[in-house]
Amino acid sequence: MLPDADQKNLIDSVRWGIFFGAGQVCSAMSRLIVHESIHDDVLAQVEELAKKLKRALVKITLPLEIIWAL
């Protein structure tokens, strides 16, 4: 991520790219490459995002039925 990039858009991408499916998706992001001048700010935003996420138990049955338990 370069200093002039849209940080809000990056955080939205992190939410879905890293945390979707608890990271168990074969295309999940595992790294962020961030310019050193904005590193601390981006890290703080990602940490805040992670703190806001809620854990859920998911049960998947066949025929496909997904049950969320928050």
Protein backbone atom coordinates (compact mmCIF):
# COMPACT_ATOMS: atom_id res chain seq x y z
CA MET A 1 0.00 0.00 0.00
CA LEU A 2 1.40 3.35 -1.01
CA PRO A 3 0.93 6.51 1.08
CA ASP A 4 -1.60 8.06 -1.33
CA ALA A 5 -3.87 4.96 -1.45
CA ASP A 6 -7.37 4.88 0.06
CA GLN A 7 -6.84 3.41 3.54
CA LYS A 8 -10.57 2.85 4.14
CA ASN A 9 -10.72 0.70 1.02
CA LEU A 10 -7.71 -1.28 2.24
CA ILE A 11 -9.31 -1.98 5.62
CA ASP A 12 -12.49 -3.19 3.89
CA SER A 13 -10.33 -5.47 1.74
CA VAL A 14 -8.56 -6.79 4.84
CA ARG A 15 -11.90 -7.54 6.48
CA TRP A 16 -12.92 -9.82 3.60
CA GLY A 17 -9.54 -10.93 2.27
CA ILE A 18 -7.98 -12.00 5.55
CA PHE A 19 -10.79 -12.63 8.00
CA PHE A 20 -13.50 -14.10 5.75
CA GLY A 21 -13.84 -17.81 6.46
CA ALA A 22 -11.43 -17.49 9.40
CA GLY A 23 -8.55 -17.54 6.92
CA GLN A 24 -9.48 -21.05 5.80
CA VAL A 25 -10.15 -20.01 2.22
CA CYS A 26 -7.47 -21.02 -0.29
CA SER A 27 -7.36 -17.48 -1.67
CA ALA A 28 -7.18 -15.74 1.73
CA MET A 29 -4.67 -12.91 2.05
CA SER A 30 -1.80 -13.61 4.40
CA ARG A 31 0.32 -10.47 4.04
CA LEU A 32 -0.05 -6.74 3.66
CA ILE A 33 2.76 -4.80 2.05
CA VAL A 34 2.54 -1.27 3.39
CA HIS A 35 4.82 1.72 2.87
CA GLU A 36 6.80 2.51 6.02
CA SER A 37 5.44 6.06 6.24
CA ILE A 38 1.90 4.78 6.89
CA HIS A 39 2.74 1.45 8.52
CA ASP A 40 1.81 2.42 12.09
CA ASP A 41 -1.50 3.98 11.07
CA VAL A 42 -2.52 0.99 8.93
CA LEU A 43 -1.46 -1.44 11.66
CA ALA A 44 -3.60 0.43 14.21
CA GLN A 45 -6.60 0.28 11.85
CA VAL A 46 -6.18 -3.47 11.28
CA GLU A 47 -5.83 -4.05 15.03
CA GLU A 48 -9.03 -2.07 15.65
CA LEU A 49 -10.82 -4.09 12.98
CA ALA A 50 -9.69 -7.37 14.54
CA LYS A 51 -10.92 -6.26 17.98
CA LYS A 52 -14.40 -5.52 16.57
CA LEU A 53 -14.85 -8.91 14.90
CA LYS A 54 -17.13 -11.39 16.61
CA ARG A 55 -16.55 -15.12 16.75
CA ALA A 56 -19.28 -17.45 15.61
CA LEU A 57 -19.79 -21.17 15.45
CA VAL A 58 -21.01 -22.34 12.08
CA LYS A 59 -22.67 -25.64 11.37
CA ILE A 60 -23.09 -26.70 7.76
CA THR A 61 -25.43 -29.57 6.92
CA LEU A 62 -26.47 -31.26 3.69
CA PRO A 63 -28.61 -30.37 1.88
CA LEU A 64 -26.82 -27.09 2.27
CA GLU A 65 -28.02 -25.26 5.33
CA ILE A 66 -25.80 -22.87 7.24
CA ILE A 67 -26.59 -22.15 10.87
CA TRP A 68 -24.80 -19.25 12.58
CA ALA A 69 -24.48 -19.16 16.35
CA LEU A 70 -23.17 -15.86 17.66
